[in-house]
Amino acid sequence: MCFRRLGRAALNLLPNDPDILVDRAEAAGVFFGRPANLRANNDDDPTNNLGSMMVGLSPEIDYHIPLGSALGGDWEAVPFFRYSYLNRFAGKFSGTDLNEPSGAGRQHYYTVGVAVFPTPELVLKLDYQHITDKQPGGPKSDSVLASVGWFF
């Protein structure tokens, strides 16, 4: 275990909500100043190292289909597809740990589903999500998710 005193490090966040041709898109960046001074890069554990930045993006496309009035509301169905990419080890590595890139932290989320709005304030949602990770033996997951939301 390394117990040497580390220097200063900085953290900058860059959120972004671009107005592009998809219905919704989000992107974010986390930038570490002086990653050589991060404890994770100097703890003799090469499996938890960080690069100089982390990035993520998530575009979504959907289509609003009016279903007509039922039960006193204006029902609407919204099928959608969302792709999300997370890279928690982007940029340059520096520190005393061995740099053993394994693909860890590079995750892809594929989500397809439908949201049903009985009223503009209430949503019923069902989706299927497939997750992959570039790390050998990393998480790979298929999930069916259901939710209810209320806007107030």
Foldseek 3Di string as FASTA:
>chain_A
DDDDQFDDKDKDKDWDWDDDDAPTKIKIKIFMGPLQRDVQQEVQDQVRRAARMKMKMKTKHKDWDFPQADPRAGKIKIKMKMKMWIARHDHHTHYDYDHDDQQAGTKIKIKTWMWMPNHPFKIKIWMWIWMDTSGVVDDTDIDIDIDMGGHD
